Every structure is written in C-alpha cells, then in structure tokens.
Amino acid sequence: MTDLLEAPAQPETELPARESRRDERARPEVRRTIGVRISDVLAMAGAAIASLSVTIVLFSWIAPLTGGIAFVVVGYVLFLGFYALLVAIDESAAVVRDRLIAAVVHSLAFLVIATLVFVVVFSFVRGAKAIPHLNFFTQDMALTGPLDPLTQGGVLHAVAGSLIQITIALIITIPLGLTTALFLGEIPGPFSRFVRTIVEAMTALPSIVAGLFIYASVILFLGVDKSGFAASLAISVMMLPIMIRSADVVLRLVPATLKEASLGLGAGQWQTVWRVVIPTSRSGLITAIILATARGIGETSPVLLTSGFTAGLNLDPLHGPMLSLPLAIFEFVKSPEPTMIARGFGTAIVLMLLVLVLFVIARLIGGETVARRESRRDFLLRIRAAAARLPVSARLRPRSTRPSKDTTRDLS
C-alpha cells in the first residue's frame, strides 16, 4: 500500500502522446480514391507495351489478320487484359474492376474528343485552299462554273439562306416549344401524357420523313412553291421535339418552394410561371434553344426536298429556291472537280464557325444573371455619381476653343 502511494506519478505530458499513438494504431488505413500513383502509371505503361508487342507478333507471325481497325481493336482488348493482370498483383478484385471501368470510360472519352478533333482538322485541311479568298464570303455561284478557279464564286447565298431559314424556324419553334413544355409541366393529366408520348416519338423521326411531310402537305396539297419558308417549316418539325424535351427537363428543375412562395404571396399560376419559373430557368432554356438550333441548322434532306437548289442569292423566303449551307456542302462535294470539293470543305468550315458564333451569342444572353445585372447597374450608378461630383466646366465639352457668348453666360 505504501509502495503504491510512494510510486512517482507519471507526467501528464506522456498521457496524450500514448493516447494519440493508440488512436493511430486503431484508425483504419485511409484509401485514396483520387490522384495518380506511380504504380498506376507503371501498370498502364507496361500493359500498353505488352499489348503492342503481342499485337505485332499476332499480325506478323501467328494470326492472318490485316487492317488498321483490326489492329487497334485487338491491341485495345489485349491492353485491358494485361492491365487487369498487372493491377491484380497488388490489388483486390474490386479494385481491378474499378480500374478496368475507369480505363474504358477514359478511352471512350478520348475516342469522342479524337473524333471531334479529326473532323474539325480534316475539314480545315481540305478547305484551306478556299478560305483565304475574300470572294468566298462575298460572292455567290451564279456566274461561276465547276472549272472556274477558287478566286471566283463563293457561299454568300448559302450563308444568307441558312440564316434566314434558321431565323424563321426559331420564330416558329421557340413559342411552340416553350408553350408545350409549360403545358406538360404545369397542367398534368391524360392529355399531357399523350402529348409527351408524341413528342418522345418525334425525336426519333427521320429527317427525310419530315421533309416528305412538308413536301406533301404544304407544297403539293396547299400549292406553296419550293422556298425558304417551306424549308423552315421542315426544319421546325425537326427542332420542335428537341426544344420541347430540353425545355421540359429544365422547367422541372425549378424548386417547388419558389412556386409555393409565389402562390403564397397571392400570385396566380401563370403569373408565377412568367415571373418565377421562366426567369429561374432562363439559362437552361437558352441551352435548349442551342440544342434545337444545332439540330436544325445542319439538316440537309428536308431542305433538299422543300427549298430547291439555286446558284444565286435569294433573300426572299416566300418565293424561289433558297440554298442553305448543308445543301451547298452536298452539292459541292459530290462534284468530281477538286475546286468544287475544296469549296465544299470550305463551306463546312463556314458552317462550323457560324454554329460557334450562334452558340457564343446564346451563352452570353443566357448567362445574364441577377447578380451580374445588379453589379452592372451599380457600376453605372457609381459612374453617374462620380460625374455629378465634377464641376460644371469639366462636365461640359466646349464646341470650339473660343466659347460663344451664350456658353459664357451659362457657365457664369
């Protein structure tokens, strides 16, 4: 008993240290889910080298395989197999499956990006001969033949036709698409489910069928001539389901609490839609318009059936054939002459640039938020306040170096 009482007490500083070491031993090992380790890079490099070597041996000595596509497919399958074996040496089966899925997903993403880059670069390379000439953007093909050089003729008529047709199609599509999307979201019922089914079925409608529908109903039955307006109607048929579905998804994302707050403050249903739902989802609605425009501006079959072909500039959408950029690409590329083929790829470049410009403009319009508007208004108010504090002589700009009598009287 006396020994226990006389035993020296342990310092208080050693107790937290022991407890921390005990906690470190009891704490489970944290598994890294992000980042790249050296072992991952080595496993991927080893699998790539092994798959390339085995594929070369198969194609050269063992299997009677030929072709670049077959070489890539066989090499990719062998890469996945070797990569799974190398990862399985140090990791569990769950980690192996995770790494294989990650490799496949990254490969598909790389394939999509590589395809896009190849299409853009290939078009720019083939159309590089036509783009540098200014006449390519300022002239039409009315006085130019297939054998004429690239210093003559252009795609002005196709650019104007595409802009006119897509403008008319947007004027038709945006009100109809937005109204239908609001109907599907705000007025549920059996008829709205029927309309939703029809819209979903229209998304799979082939473009040639849309062109035949407008050709049979508008041109043959109603007697309307082939024109830019008829082509705009066909383009609207293709754009409408994309616009409705995209807008419907965006409008569903509006929080229900905002609608309930508006209704609780005494607003009606359509006043809530106009002042709460649409402003809240404006950025998403702009994206829906972009998707619909991208679908409509690249259509060729409906325009070929409904607008006709012309080599001259036509700005009247109601009378006469009107050419568009996709139809011009089709007509140019099918020619055997190298100059016409170069014009076709140059027209493809113009179409891509036009879509890019429309996309940027739409994003600028859709990216206008309340905070940005308030900051711009505050900036203008500060400028006005600073101008108001300046003396009168600094705010007035004299018309000449020698002021008149009236100006002198005003300043006094």
Protein backbone atom coordinates (compact mmCIF):
# COMPACT_ATOMS: atom_id res chain seq x y z
CA MET A 1 0.00 0.00 0.00
CA THR A 2 2.81 2.36 0.91
CA ASP A 3 4.64 1.40 -2.30
CA LEU A 4 1.65 2.39 -4.35
CA LEU A 5 1.35 5.67 -2.52
CA GLU A 6 5.06 6.39 -2.81
CA ALA A 7 5.24 5.47 -6.51
CA PRO A 8 6.05 8.51 -8.62
CA ALA A 9 3.16 9.76 -10.71
CA GLN A 10 3.52 9.67 -14.48
CA PRO A 11 3.99 13.01 -16.16
CA GLU A 12 0.85 14.43 -17.65
CA THR A 13 2.62 15.08 -20.95
CA GLU A 14 3.09 11.32 -21.62
CA LEU A 15 -0.63 10.53 -21.44
CA PRO A 16 -1.72 12.48 -24.57
CA ALA A 17 1.21 11.01 -26.51
CA ARG A 18 0.21 7.45 -25.61
CA GLU A 19 -3.44 8.13 -26.44
CA SER A 20 -2.50 9.60 -29.83
CA ARG A 21 -0.34 6.56 -30.67
CA ARG A 22 -3.18 4.26 -29.61
CA ASP A 23 -5.61 6.20 -31.84
CA GLU A 24 -3.22 5.98 -34.79
CA ARG A 25 -2.97 2.19 -34.41
CA ALA A 26 -6.76 1.82 -34.12
CA ARG A 27 -7.51 4.17 -37.02
CA PRO A 28 -8.11 2.24 -40.28
CA GLU A 29 -5.94 2.93 -43.27
CA VAL A 30 -7.44 5.62 -45.49
CA ARG A 31 -7.82 4.51 -49.09
CA ARG A 32 -7.03 7.06 -51.75
CA THR A 33 -9.79 7.45 -54.31
CA ILE A 34 -8.31 10.31 -56.33
CA GLY A 35 -4.92 11.11 -57.76
CA VAL A 36 -2.45 9.06 -59.78
CA ARG A 37 0.18 6.84 -58.20
CA ILE A 38 3.44 5.70 -59.71
CA SER A 39 2.25 2.08 -59.66
CA ASP A 40 -0.80 3.02 -61.73
CA VAL A 41 1.34 4.75 -64.34
CA LEU A 42 3.78 1.83 -64.49
CA ALA A 43 0.95 -0.71 -64.79
CA MET A 44 -0.64 1.25 -67.62
CA ALA A 45 2.68 1.71 -69.44
CA GLY A 46 3.56 -1.96 -69.04
CA ALA A 47 0.15 -3.07 -70.30
CA ALA A 48 0.46 -0.74 -73.32
CA ILE A 49 3.94 -2.06 -74.23
CA ALA A 50 2.91 -5.70 -73.74
CA SER A 51 -0.30 -5.32 -75.78
CA LEU A 52 1.54 -3.56 -78.62
CA SER A 53 4.22 -6.26 -78.72
CA VAL A 54 1.76 -9.15 -78.65
CA THR A 55 -0.42 -7.50 -81.30
CA ILE A 56 2.55 -7.04 -83.62
CA VAL A 57 3.51 -10.68 -83.16
CA LEU A 58 -0.08 -11.82 -83.84
CA PHE A 59 -0.41 -9.76 -87.00
CA SER A 60 3.07 -10.61 -88.27
CA TRP A 61 3.60 -14.29 -87.44
CA ILE A 62 0.62 -16.10 -85.94
CA ALA A 63 -2.86 -14.94 -86.97
CA PRO A 64 -3.78 -13.97 -90.54
CA LEU A 65 -5.08 -10.56 -89.51
CA THR A 66 -4.80 -7.35 -91.51
CA GLY A 67 -6.17 -3.83 -91.37
CA GLY A 68 -5.64 -0.86 -89.13
CA ILE A 69 -9.02 -1.10 -87.41
CA ALA A 70 -8.47 -4.77 -86.51
CA PHE A 71 -5.00 -3.91 -85.19
CA VAL A 72 -6.39 -1.20 -82.89
CA VAL A 73 -9.27 -3.38 -81.63
CA VAL A 74 -7.06 -6.39 -80.86
CA GLY A 75 -4.45 -4.18 -79.23
CA TYR A 76 -7.05 -2.46 -77.05
CA VAL A 77 -8.55 -5.77 -75.86
CA LEU A 78 -5.08 -7.10 -75.03
CA PHE A 79 -4.28 -3.84 -73.21
CA LEU A 80 -7.31 -4.28 -70.95
CA GLY A 81 -6.32 -7.88 -70.22
CA PHE A 82 -2.70 -7.08 -69.38
CA TYR A 83 -3.75 -4.06 -67.34
CA ALA A 84 -6.13 -6.20 -65.27
CA LEU A 85 -3.35 -8.76 -64.63
CA LEU A 86 -0.86 -6.11 -63.52
CA VAL A 87 -3.34 -4.41 -61.21
CA ALA A 88 -4.43 -7.77 -59.73
CA ILE A 89 -0.89 -8.40 -58.45
CA ASP A 90 -1.21 -5.79 -55.69
CA GLU A 91 -4.94 -5.02 -55.50
CA SER A 92 -8.18 -6.84 -54.76
CA ALA A 93 -10.82 -7.90 -57.26
CA ALA A 94 -12.98 -4.84 -56.52
CA VAL A 95 -10.08 -2.51 -57.29
CA VAL A 96 -9.35 -4.39 -60.51
CA ARG A 97 -12.94 -3.93 -61.68
CA ASP A 98 -12.81 -0.27 -60.72
CA ARG A 99 -9.59 0.31 -62.68
CA LEU A 100 -10.94 -1.52 -65.75
CA ILE A 101 -14.13 0.54 -65.77
CA ALA A 102 -12.11 3.73 -65.35
CA ALA A 103 -9.85 2.74 -68.26
CA VAL A 104 -12.83 2.01 -70.52
CA VAL A 105 -14.55 5.31 -69.62
CA HIS A 106 -11.39 7.32 -70.24
CA SER A 107 -10.86 5.51 -73.53
CA LEU A 108 -14.37 6.33 -74.72
CA ALA A 109 -13.93 10.00 -73.74
CA PHE A 110 -10.64 10.12 -75.61
CA LEU A 111 -12.29 8.50 -78.64
CA VAL A 112 -15.04 11.13 -78.72
CA ILE A 113 -12.56 14.01 -78.42
CA ALA A 114 -10.26 12.48 -81.04
CA THR A 115 -13.18 12.06 -83.45
CA LEU A 116 -14.23 15.68 -83.00
CA VAL A 117 -10.68 16.93 -83.47
CA PHE A 118 -10.22 14.76 -86.56
CA VAL A 119 -13.42 16.08 -88.16
CA VAL A 120 -12.50 19.71 -87.50
CA VAL A 121 -8.87 19.38 -88.54
CA PHE A 122 -9.72 17.35 -91.65
CA SER A 123 -12.26 19.96 -92.75
CA PHE A 124 -9.80 22.79 -92.21
CA VAL A 125 -7.06 20.97 -94.11
CA ARG A 126 -9.26 20.17 -97.10
CA GLY A 127 -10.90 23.59 -97.17
CA ALA A 128 -7.75 25.64 -96.56
CA LYS A 129 -7.48 26.44 -100.27
CA ALA A 130 -10.88 28.17 -100.45
CA ILE A 131 -10.99 30.02 -97.11
CA PRO A 132 -8.19 32.59 -97.76
CA HIS A 133 -10.02 34.12 -100.74
CA LEU A 134 -12.26 37.05 -99.81
CA ASN A 135 -14.63 36.35 -102.68
CA PHE A 136 -15.55 33.07 -100.97
CA PHE A 137 -17.53 35.11 -98.42
CA THR A 138 -18.77 37.95 -100.64
CA GLN A 139 -19.93 36.23 -103.86
CA ASP A 140 -22.38 33.56 -104.91
CA MET A 141 -22.10 30.86 -107.58
CA ALA A 142 -24.42 32.44 -110.16
CA LEU A 143 -21.60 33.26 -112.60
CA THR A 144 -19.17 30.52 -111.55
CA GLY A 145 -18.82 27.07 -113.08
CA PRO A 146 -17.21 23.87 -111.82
CA LEU A 147 -13.99 24.53 -113.77
CA ASP A 148 -13.51 28.11 -112.58
CA PRO A 149 -10.71 28.77 -110.06
CA LEU A 150 -11.23 29.47 -106.39
CA THR A 151 -10.75 33.19 -106.98
CA GLN A 152 -14.28 33.23 -108.38
CA GLY A 153 -17.56 32.40 -106.64
CA GLY A 154 -18.45 31.94 -103.01
CA VAL A 155 -21.06 30.88 -100.47
CA LEU A 156 -22.74 34.18 -99.68
CA HIS A 157 -26.08 32.87 -100.93
CA ALA A 158 -25.78 29.75 -98.74
CA VAL A 159 -24.90 31.74 -95.60
CA ALA A 160 -27.81 34.12 -96.15
CA GLY A 161 -30.19 31.23 -96.83
CA SER A 162 -29.16 29.36 -93.68
CA LEU A 163 -29.55 32.45 -91.50
CA ILE A 164 -32.99 33.26 -92.96
CA GLN A 165 -34.23 29.68 -92.66
CA ILE A 166 -32.99 29.14 -89.12
CA THR A 167 -34.41 32.52 -88.03
CA ILE A 168 -37.87 31.64 -89.33
CA ALA A 169 -37.58 28.18 -87.77
CA LEU A 170 -36.66 29.69 -84.38
CA ILE A 171 -39.58 32.13 -84.59
CA ILE A 172 -41.85 29.12 -85.05
CA THR A 173 -40.13 26.70 -82.68
CA ILE A 174 -39.41 28.80 -79.58
CA PRO A 175 -43.02 29.84 -78.79
CA LEU A 176 -44.45 26.43 -79.64
CA GLY A 177 -41.74 24.51 -77.82
CA LEU A 178 -41.80 26.65 -74.69
CA THR A 179 -45.60 26.68 -74.52
CA THR A 180 -45.77 22.90 -74.94
CA ALA A 181 -43.11 22.37 -72.27
CA LEU A 182 -45.03 24.60 -69.85
CA PHE A 183 -48.21 22.70 -70.64
CA LEU A 184 -46.53 19.37 -69.89
CA GLY A 185 -45.16 20.63 -66.57
CA GLU A 186 -47.94 22.88 -65.28
CA ILE A 187 -51.08 21.06 -66.46
CA PRO A 188 -50.59 17.33 -65.78
CA GLY A 189 -53.24 14.93 -66.95
CA PRO A 190 -54.05 12.24 -69.50
CA PHE A 191 -53.79 14.61 -72.46
CA SER A 192 -50.39 15.89 -71.33
CA ARG A 193 -49.15 12.30 -71.08
CA PHE A 194 -50.39 11.70 -74.61
CA VAL A 195 -48.59 14.83 -75.84
CA ARG A 196 -45.40 13.74 -74.06
CA THR A 197 -45.57 10.36 -75.80
CA ILE A 198 -45.97 12.03 -79.19
CA VAL A 199 -43.04 14.35 -78.52
CA GLU A 200 -40.79 11.47 -77.48
CA ALA A 201 -41.78 9.58 -80.62
CA MET A 202 -40.99 12.62 -82.78
CA THR A 203 -37.40 12.71 -81.52
CA ALA A 204 -36.75 9.51 -83.49
CA LEU A 205 -38.38 10.88 -86.66
CA PRO A 206 -36.00 10.64 -89.64
CA SER A 207 -35.25 13.96 -91.26
CA ILE A 208 -36.26 12.73 -94.70
CA VAL A 209 -39.74 11.91 -93.34
CA ALA A 210 -40.09 15.46 -92.01
CA GLY A 211 -39.14 16.78 -95.42
CA LEU A 212 -41.64 14.48 -97.14
CA PHE A 213 -44.36 15.60 -94.71
CA ILE A 214 -43.86 19.29 -95.53
CA TYR A 215 -43.46 18.49 -99.22
CA ALA A 216 -46.76 16.58 -99.33
CA SER A 217 -48.80 18.82 -97.05
CA VAL A 218 -47.51 22.30 -97.87
CA ILE A 219 -46.07 22.12 -101.37
CA LEU A 220 -48.34 19.57 -103.06
CA PHE A 221 -51.59 19.99 -101.10
CA LEU A 222 -51.53 23.75 -100.38
CA GLY A 223 -49.70 24.69 -103.55
CA VAL A 224 -46.82 26.58 -101.93
CA ASP A 225 -43.71 26.81 -104.10
CA LYS A 226 -40.38 25.43 -103.03
CA SER A 227 -38.89 28.22 -100.98
CA GLY A 228 -37.01 29.11 -97.83
CA PHE A 229 -40.26 29.28 -95.88
CA ALA A 230 -41.14 25.67 -96.75
CA ALA A 231 -37.62 24.62 -95.74
CA SER A 232 -38.05 26.49 -92.44
CA LEU A 233 -41.23 24.56 -91.76
CA ALA A 234 -39.40 21.27 -92.32
CA ILE A 235 -36.55 22.40 -90.08
CA SER A 236 -39.08 23.40 -87.41
CA VAL A 237 -40.50 19.87 -87.43
CA MET A 238 -37.03 18.54 -86.61
CA MET A 239 -36.28 21.20 -83.99
CA LEU A 240 -39.58 21.11 -82.13
CA PRO A 241 -39.21 17.79 -80.23
CA ILE A 242 -35.66 18.67 -79.16
CA MET A 243 -36.84 22.04 -77.92
CA ILE A 244 -39.82 20.60 -76.04
CA ARG A 245 -37.93 17.81 -74.29
CA SER A 246 -34.99 20.00 -73.29
CA ALA A 247 -37.23 22.79 -72.02
CA ASP A 248 -39.41 20.30 -70.14
CA VAL A 249 -36.39 18.91 -68.30
CA VAL A 250 -35.17 22.39 -67.43
CA LEU A 251 -38.55 23.57 -66.16
CA ARG A 252 -38.83 20.50 -63.92
CA LEU A 253 -35.61 21.51 -62.15
CA VAL A 254 -37.15 24.72 -60.78
CA PRO A 255 -37.54 24.21 -57.00
CA ALA A 256 -41.11 23.72 -55.89
CA THR A 257 -40.50 26.03 -52.91
CA LEU A 258 -40.18 29.00 -55.28
CA LYS A 259 -43.54 28.25 -56.83
CA GLU A 260 -45.15 27.73 -53.43
CA ALA A 261 -43.71 31.03 -52.17
CA SER A 262 -45.07 32.87 -55.20
CA LEU A 263 -48.51 31.31 -54.81
CA GLY A 264 -48.45 32.03 -51.10
CA LEU A 265 -47.83 35.73 -51.80
CA GLY A 266 -51.01 35.87 -53.86
CA ALA A 267 -49.70 35.39 -57.42
CA GLY A 268 -51.65 33.27 -59.86
CA GLN A 269 -50.38 30.18 -61.64
CA TRP A 270 -49.44 31.85 -64.92
CA GLN A 271 -48.07 34.91 -63.15
CA THR A 272 -45.85 32.52 -61.20
CA VAL A 273 -44.77 30.88 -64.44
CA TRP A 274 -43.99 34.22 -66.09
CA ARG A 275 -42.23 35.87 -63.14
CA VAL A 276 -40.66 32.93 -61.31
CA VAL A 277 -40.35 29.76 -63.38
CA ILE A 278 -39.14 31.20 -66.68
CA PRO A 279 -36.59 33.69 -65.20
CA THR A 280 -35.21 30.98 -62.92
CA SER A 281 -34.68 28.52 -65.79
CA ARG A 282 -33.60 31.04 -68.43
CA SER A 283 -30.05 29.71 -68.75
CA GLY A 284 -31.35 26.17 -69.27
CA LEU A 285 -33.91 27.37 -71.80
CA ILE A 286 -31.13 29.07 -73.77
CA THR A 287 -29.31 25.73 -73.79
CA ALA A 288 -32.45 24.06 -75.13
CA ILE A 289 -32.61 26.64 -77.91
CA ILE A 290 -28.94 25.98 -78.72
CA LEU A 291 -29.56 22.24 -78.97
CA ALA A 292 -32.56 22.76 -81.23
CA THR A 293 -30.62 25.21 -83.41
CA ALA A 294 -27.71 22.81 -83.75
CA ARG A 295 -30.15 20.11 -84.86
CA GLY A 296 -31.92 22.33 -87.39
CA ILE A 297 -29.04 24.22 -88.94
CA GLY A 298 -27.30 21.05 -90.09
CA GLU A 299 -30.28 19.38 -91.78
CA THR A 300 -29.87 18.56 -95.48
CA SER A 301 -32.65 16.19 -96.53
CA PRO A 302 -35.62 18.40 -95.56
CA VAL A 303 -34.03 21.41 -97.24
CA LEU A 304 -33.30 19.42 -100.38
CA LEU A 305 -36.95 18.41 -100.71
CA THR A 306 -38.56 21.73 -99.79
CA SER A 307 -36.28 24.61 -100.80
CA GLY A 308 -34.85 23.53 -104.13
CA PHE A 309 -31.40 24.49 -105.41
CA THR A 310 -30.14 27.77 -106.75
CA ALA A 311 -26.71 29.16 -107.53
CA GLY A 312 -27.71 32.78 -106.96
CA LEU A 313 -28.51 34.90 -103.93
CA ASN A 314 -32.18 34.89 -102.89
CA LEU A 315 -33.25 36.89 -99.85
CA ASP A 316 -36.99 36.33 -100.31
CA PRO A 317 -38.05 33.29 -98.24
CA LEU A 318 -41.51 33.16 -99.80
CA HIS A 319 -40.62 32.95 -103.49
CA GLY A 320 -38.00 30.99 -105.33
CA PRO A 321 -35.46 28.37 -104.27
CA MET A 322 -33.14 29.22 -101.39
CA LEU A 323 -29.88 27.43 -100.71
CA SER A 324 -28.52 26.57 -97.25
CA LEU A 325 -25.03 25.68 -96.09
CA PRO A 326 -25.62 21.91 -95.64
CA LEU A 327 -27.23 21.69 -99.07
CA ALA A 328 -24.35 23.67 -100.58
CA ILE A 329 -21.86 21.25 -99.00
CA PHE A 330 -23.78 18.33 -100.51
CA GLU A 331 -23.81 19.89 -103.98
CA PHE A 332 -20.14 20.91 -103.89
CA VAL A 333 -18.67 17.68 -102.54
CA LYS A 334 -20.46 15.38 -104.99
CA SER A 335 -18.73 17.14 -107.88
CA PRO A 336 -15.58 15.43 -109.24
CA GLU A 337 -13.71 18.71 -109.65
CA PRO A 338 -11.05 19.45 -106.97
CA THR A 339 -12.02 23.12 -106.80
CA MET A 340 -15.64 22.27 -106.07
CA ILE A 341 -14.58 19.78 -103.40
CA ALA A 342 -12.39 22.47 -101.80
CA ARG A 343 -15.40 24.80 -101.86
CA GLY A 344 -17.45 22.10 -100.14
CA PHE A 345 -14.99 21.71 -97.27
CA GLY A 346 -14.65 25.48 -97.05
CA THR A 347 -18.44 25.69 -96.73
CA ALA A 348 -18.25 23.12 -93.92
CA ILE A 349 -15.77 25.39 -92.12
CA VAL A 350 -18.14 28.34 -92.52
CA LEU A 351 -20.99 26.24 -91.11
CA MET A 352 -18.96 25.24 -88.06
CA LEU A 353 -17.88 28.84 -87.45
CA LEU A 354 -21.49 30.02 -87.82
CA VAL A 355 -22.69 27.47 -85.26
CA LEU A 356 -19.88 28.52 -82.91
CA VAL A 357 -20.84 32.20 -83.20
CA LEU A 358 -24.51 31.44 -82.55
CA PHE A 359 -23.53 29.32 -79.56
CA VAL A 360 -21.39 32.10 -78.06
CA ILE A 361 -24.13 34.68 -78.56
CA ALA A 362 -26.72 32.41 -76.95
CA ARG A 363 -24.47 31.70 -73.97
CA LEU A 364 -23.83 35.40 -73.46
CA ILE A 365 -27.56 36.05 -73.47
CA GLY A 366 -28.35 33.08 -71.24
CA GLY A 367 -25.51 33.78 -68.82
CA GLU A 368 -27.05 37.09 -67.74
CA THR A 369 -27.81 36.55 -64.05
CA VAL A 370 -29.42 38.78 -61.45
CA ALA A 371 -26.09 39.36 -59.70
CA ARG A 372 -24.45 40.37 -62.95
CA ARG A 373 -27.24 42.81 -63.77
CA GLU A 374 -27.04 44.32 -60.30
CA SER A 375 -23.26 44.70 -60.49
CA ARG A 376 -23.54 46.40 -63.88
CA ARG A 377 -26.25 48.73 -62.55
CA ASP A 378 -24.11 49.58 -59.51
CA PHE A 379 -21.18 50.33 -61.79
CA LEU A 380 -23.28 52.70 -63.89
CA LEU A 381 -24.62 54.39 -60.76
CA ARG A 382 -21.08 54.93 -59.47
CA ILE A 383 -20.07 56.45 -62.80
CA ARG A 384 -23.05 58.82 -62.69
CA ALA A 385 -22.31 59.78 -59.10
CA ALA A 386 -18.68 60.49 -59.96
CA ALA A 387 -19.77 62.59 -62.94
CA ALA A 388 -22.23 64.51 -60.76
CA ARG A 389 -19.47 65.48 -58.32
CA LEU A 390 -17.34 67.01 -61.09
CA PRO A 391 -17.51 70.76 -61.63
CA VAL A 392 -19.76 72.09 -64.37
CA SER A 393 -16.83 73.19 -66.51
CA ALA A 394 -15.39 69.65 -66.50
CA ARG A 395 -18.69 68.03 -67.49
CA LEU A 396 -19.36 70.38 -70.41
CA ARG A 397 -17.36 69.85 -73.57
CA PRO A 398 -16.81 73.12 -75.46
CA ARG A 399 -17.67 73.03 -79.12
CA SER A 400 -14.69 75.17 -80.07
CA THR A 401 -11.61 76.61 -78.46
CA ARG A 402 -13.30 80.03 -78.39
CA PRO A 403 -16.55 79.86 -76.39
CA SER A 404 -19.52 81.86 -77.55
CA LYS A 405 -21.39 84.45 -75.53
CA ASP A 406 -24.21 82.06 -74.70
CA THR A 407 -21.79 79.48 -73.37
CA THR A 408 -20.02 82.10 -71.25
CA ARG A 409 -23.34 83.26 -69.82
CA ASP A 410 -24.31 79.66 -68.94
CA LEU A 411 -21.02 78.99 -67.22
CA SER A 412 -21.35 82.16 -65.15
